[in-house]
Amino acid sequence: YMIFPPDLSLDSLNQTGKNTMTDFLDIRFTQIGEDFLEATMPVTDKTKQPLGLLHGGANVVLAETLGSVAATL
């Protein structure tokens, strides 16, 4: 049972984030399932904390993006 609109595409999802934090952090939706969305976010200088590790706040942005987009859909 698909919980998302049947005409939903990865391209349309990725376009909605243009010129936002999602775009700035290079978050990209990569898969739409029957009841899930999947996205990636690279670990780069934009997402690392001063010790070179992935910043916890960047993780939260990724999680919030997936959760809010899924809930909106």
N, C-alpha and C. Protein backbone atom coordinates (compact mmCIF):
# COMPACT_ATOMS: atom_id res chain seq x y z
N TYR A 1 0.84 -1.18 0.00
CA TYR A 1 0.00 0.00 0.00
C TYR A 1 0.88 1.24 0.00
N MET A 2 0.81 2.03 -1.05
CA MET A 2 1.63 3.24 -1.20
C MET A 2 0.99 4.39 -0.42
N ILE A 3 1.76 5.00 0.48
CA ILE A 3 1.20 6.11 1.26
C ILE A 3 1.48 7.47 0.63
N PHE A 4 2.34 7.50 -0.39
CA PHE A 4 2.69 8.75 -1.06
C PHE A 4 1.93 8.86 -2.38
N PRO A 5 1.80 10.08 -2.92
CA PRO A 5 1.12 10.25 -4.20
C PRO A 5 1.78 9.39 -5.28
N PRO A 6 0.99 8.75 -6.13
CA PRO A 6 1.55 7.85 -7.13
C PRO A 6 2.41 8.54 -8.18
N ASP A 7 2.22 9.84 -8.40
CA ASP A 7 3.00 10.55 -9.41
C ASP A 7 4.23 11.25 -8.81
N LEU A 8 4.55 10.98 -7.56
CA LEU A 8 5.69 11.59 -6.89
C LEU A 8 6.99 11.11 -7.53
N SER A 9 7.89 12.04 -7.81
CA SER A 9 9.17 11.67 -8.41
C SER A 9 10.33 12.22 -7.58
N LEU A 10 11.47 11.57 -7.71
CA LEU A 10 12.67 12.05 -7.02
C LEU A 10 13.04 13.45 -7.51
N ASP A 11 12.90 13.68 -8.81
CA ASP A 11 13.23 14.99 -9.36
C ASP A 11 12.37 16.08 -8.73
N SER A 12 11.06 15.83 -8.60
CA SER A 12 10.20 16.85 -8.01
C SER A 12 10.55 17.09 -6.54
N LEU A 13 10.86 16.03 -5.80
CA LEU A 13 11.26 16.20 -4.40
C LEU A 13 12.55 17.02 -4.31
N ASN A 14 13.51 16.70 -5.14
CA ASN A 14 14.79 17.40 -5.09
C ASN A 14 14.67 18.85 -5.55
N GLN A 15 13.75 19.15 -6.42
CA GLN A 15 13.54 20.53 -6.87
C GLN A 15 12.94 21.40 -5.77
N THR A 16 12.14 20.82 -4.89
CA THR A 16 11.50 21.63 -3.85
C THR A 16 12.50 22.20 -2.85
N GLY A 17 13.67 21.62 -2.76
CA GLY A 17 14.67 22.10 -1.81
C GLY A 17 15.63 23.12 -2.37
N LYS A 18 15.45 23.54 -3.61
CA LYS A 18 16.37 24.51 -4.21
C LYS A 18 16.40 25.80 -3.40
N ASN A 19 17.62 26.33 -3.21
CA ASN A 19 17.85 27.58 -2.48
C ASN A 19 17.39 27.53 -1.04
N THR A 20 17.50 26.36 -0.43
CA THR A 20 17.17 26.18 0.99
C THR A 20 18.36 25.51 1.67
N MET A 21 18.22 25.26 2.96
CA MET A 21 19.28 24.55 3.69
C MET A 21 19.52 23.17 3.09
N THR A 22 18.44 22.54 2.64
CA THR A 22 18.55 21.22 2.00
C THR A 22 19.52 21.28 0.82
N ASP A 23 19.39 22.30 0.01
CA ASP A 23 20.27 22.50 -1.14
C ASP A 23 21.69 22.81 -0.67
N PHE A 24 21.83 23.69 0.31
CA PHE A 24 23.13 24.09 0.82
C PHE A 24 23.93 22.88 1.34
N LEU A 25 23.24 21.95 2.01
CA LEU A 25 23.92 20.78 2.57
C LEU A 25 23.95 19.60 1.60
N ASP A 26 23.50 19.82 0.37
CA ASP A 26 23.52 18.78 -0.68
C ASP A 26 22.70 17.55 -0.32
N ILE A 27 21.60 17.75 0.40
CA ILE A 27 20.70 16.63 0.71
C ILE A 27 19.93 16.31 -0.55
N ARG A 28 19.94 15.03 -0.94
CA ARG A 28 19.26 14.58 -2.15
C ARG A 28 18.39 13.38 -1.83
N PHE A 29 17.15 13.45 -2.25
CA PHE A 29 16.27 12.29 -2.13
C PHE A 29 16.73 11.26 -3.15
N THR A 30 16.83 10.01 -2.71
CA THR A 30 17.38 8.97 -3.57
C THR A 30 16.44 7.81 -3.82
N GLN A 31 15.43 7.66 -2.98
CA GLN A 31 14.50 6.54 -3.17
C GLN A 31 13.15 6.86 -2.53
N ILE A 32 12.09 6.46 -3.25
CA ILE A 32 10.73 6.55 -2.74
C ILE A 32 10.21 5.13 -2.67
N GLY A 33 9.82 4.69 -1.47
CA GLY A 33 9.26 3.36 -1.31
C GLY A 33 7.77 3.43 -1.05
N GLU A 34 7.17 2.30 -0.83
CA GLU A 34 5.73 2.28 -0.55
C GLU A 34 5.40 3.09 0.70
N ASP A 35 6.30 3.02 1.69
CA ASP A 35 6.03 3.72 2.95
C ASP A 35 7.29 4.36 3.54
N PHE A 36 8.21 4.75 2.68
CA PHE A 36 9.43 5.42 3.16
C PHE A 36 10.02 6.32 2.09
N LEU A 37 10.81 7.29 2.56
CA LEU A 37 11.63 8.13 1.70
C LEU A 37 13.07 7.95 2.15
N GLU A 38 13.98 8.01 1.21
CA GLU A 38 15.40 7.89 1.53
C GLU A 38 16.13 9.08 0.92
N ALA A 39 17.11 9.60 1.66
CA ALA A 39 17.91 10.72 1.17
C ALA A 39 19.34 10.55 1.66
N THR A 40 20.25 11.22 0.97
CA THR A 40 21.66 11.21 1.36
C THR A 40 22.12 12.64 1.62
N MET A 41 23.18 12.73 2.41
CA MET A 41 23.83 14.02 2.68
C MET A 41 25.32 13.72 2.79
N PRO A 42 26.13 14.29 1.92
CA PRO A 42 27.57 14.01 1.99
C PRO A 42 28.23 14.65 3.21
N VAL A 43 29.27 14.01 3.69
CA VAL A 43 30.08 14.59 4.76
C VAL A 43 31.16 15.42 4.07
N THR A 44 30.99 16.73 4.15
CA THR A 44 31.93 17.68 3.54
C THR A 44 32.27 18.74 4.57
N ASP A 45 33.05 19.73 4.15
CA ASP A 45 33.37 20.83 5.07
C ASP A 45 32.11 21.54 5.55
N LYS A 46 31.04 21.52 4.74
CA LYS A 46 29.78 22.17 5.13
C LYS A 46 29.07 21.43 6.25
N THR A 47 29.34 20.13 6.42
CA THR A 47 28.60 19.33 7.40
C THR A 47 29.47 18.83 8.55
N LYS A 48 30.75 19.18 8.55
CA LYS A 48 31.64 18.72 9.62
C LYS A 48 31.74 19.75 10.73
N GLN A 49 31.99 19.26 11.95
CA GLN A 49 32.30 20.14 13.07
C GLN A 49 33.82 20.34 13.11
N PRO A 50 34.33 21.22 13.98
CA PRO A 50 35.75 21.56 13.96
C PRO A 50 36.72 20.38 14.10
N LEU A 51 36.30 19.28 14.71
CA LEU A 51 37.20 18.13 14.85
C LEU A 51 37.18 17.23 13.62
N GLY A 52 36.42 17.62 12.60
CA GLY A 52 36.40 16.87 11.35
C GLY A 52 35.35 15.78 11.28
N LEU A 53 34.51 15.69 12.31
CA LEU A 53 33.46 14.68 12.33
C LEU A 53 32.15 15.30 11.84
N LEU A 54 31.23 14.44 11.42
CA LEU A 54 29.92 14.92 11.00
C LEU A 54 29.25 15.65 12.17
N HIS A 55 28.78 16.85 11.93
CA HIS A 55 28.14 17.66 12.96
C HIS A 55 26.77 17.09 13.31
N GLY A 56 26.47 16.99 14.59
CA GLY A 56 25.18 16.47 15.03
C GLY A 56 24.02 17.29 14.51
N GLY A 57 24.20 18.58 14.39
CA GLY A 57 23.15 19.44 13.86
C GLY A 57 22.84 19.13 12.41
N ALA A 58 23.86 18.75 11.63
CA ALA A 58 23.63 18.36 10.24
C ALA A 58 22.80 17.08 10.18
N ASN A 59 23.07 16.15 11.10
CA ASN A 59 22.25 14.94 11.19
C ASN A 59 20.79 15.29 11.45
N VAL A 60 20.57 16.26 12.33
CA VAL A 60 19.21 16.66 12.66
C VAL A 60 18.52 17.29 11.45
N VAL A 61 19.26 18.08 10.68
CA VAL A 61 18.69 18.68 9.47
C VAL A 61 18.24 17.58 8.50
N LEU A 62 19.06 16.57 8.32
CA LEU A 62 18.70 15.45 7.44
C LEU A 62 17.46 14.74 7.96
N ALA A 63 17.43 14.43 9.24
CA ALA A 63 16.28 13.73 9.82
C ALA A 63 15.01 14.58 9.74
N GLU A 64 15.12 15.86 10.06
CA GLU A 64 13.95 16.74 10.02
C GLU A 64 13.44 16.92 8.60
N THR A 65 14.35 16.99 7.64
CA THR A 65 13.96 17.12 6.24
C THR A 65 13.15 15.91 5.81
N LEU A 66 13.65 14.71 6.10
CA LEU A 66 12.92 13.50 5.73
C LEU A 66 11.58 13.42 6.43
N GLY A 67 11.56 13.71 7.73
CA GLY A 67 10.32 13.61 8.49
C GLY A 67 9.28 14.62 8.05
N SER A 68 9.68 15.86 7.84
CA SER A 68 8.70 16.88 7.48
C SER A 68 8.20 16.70 6.05
N VAL A 69 9.08 16.31 5.13
CA VAL A 69 8.63 16.07 3.76
C VAL A 69 7.67 14.87 3.72
N ALA A 70 8.03 13.80 4.41
CA ALA A 70 7.14 12.61 4.43
C ALA A 70 5.79 12.95 5.04
N ALA A 71 5.80 13.71 6.13
CA ALA A 71 4.53 14.07 6.78
C ALA A 71 3.69 14.98 5.88
N THR A 72 4.34 15.89 5.17
CA THR A 72 3.62 16.79 4.27
C THR A 72 2.98 16.02 3.12
N LEU A 73 3.68 15.04 2.62
CA LEU A 73 3.15 14.24 1.51
C LEU A 73 2.00 13.36 1.96
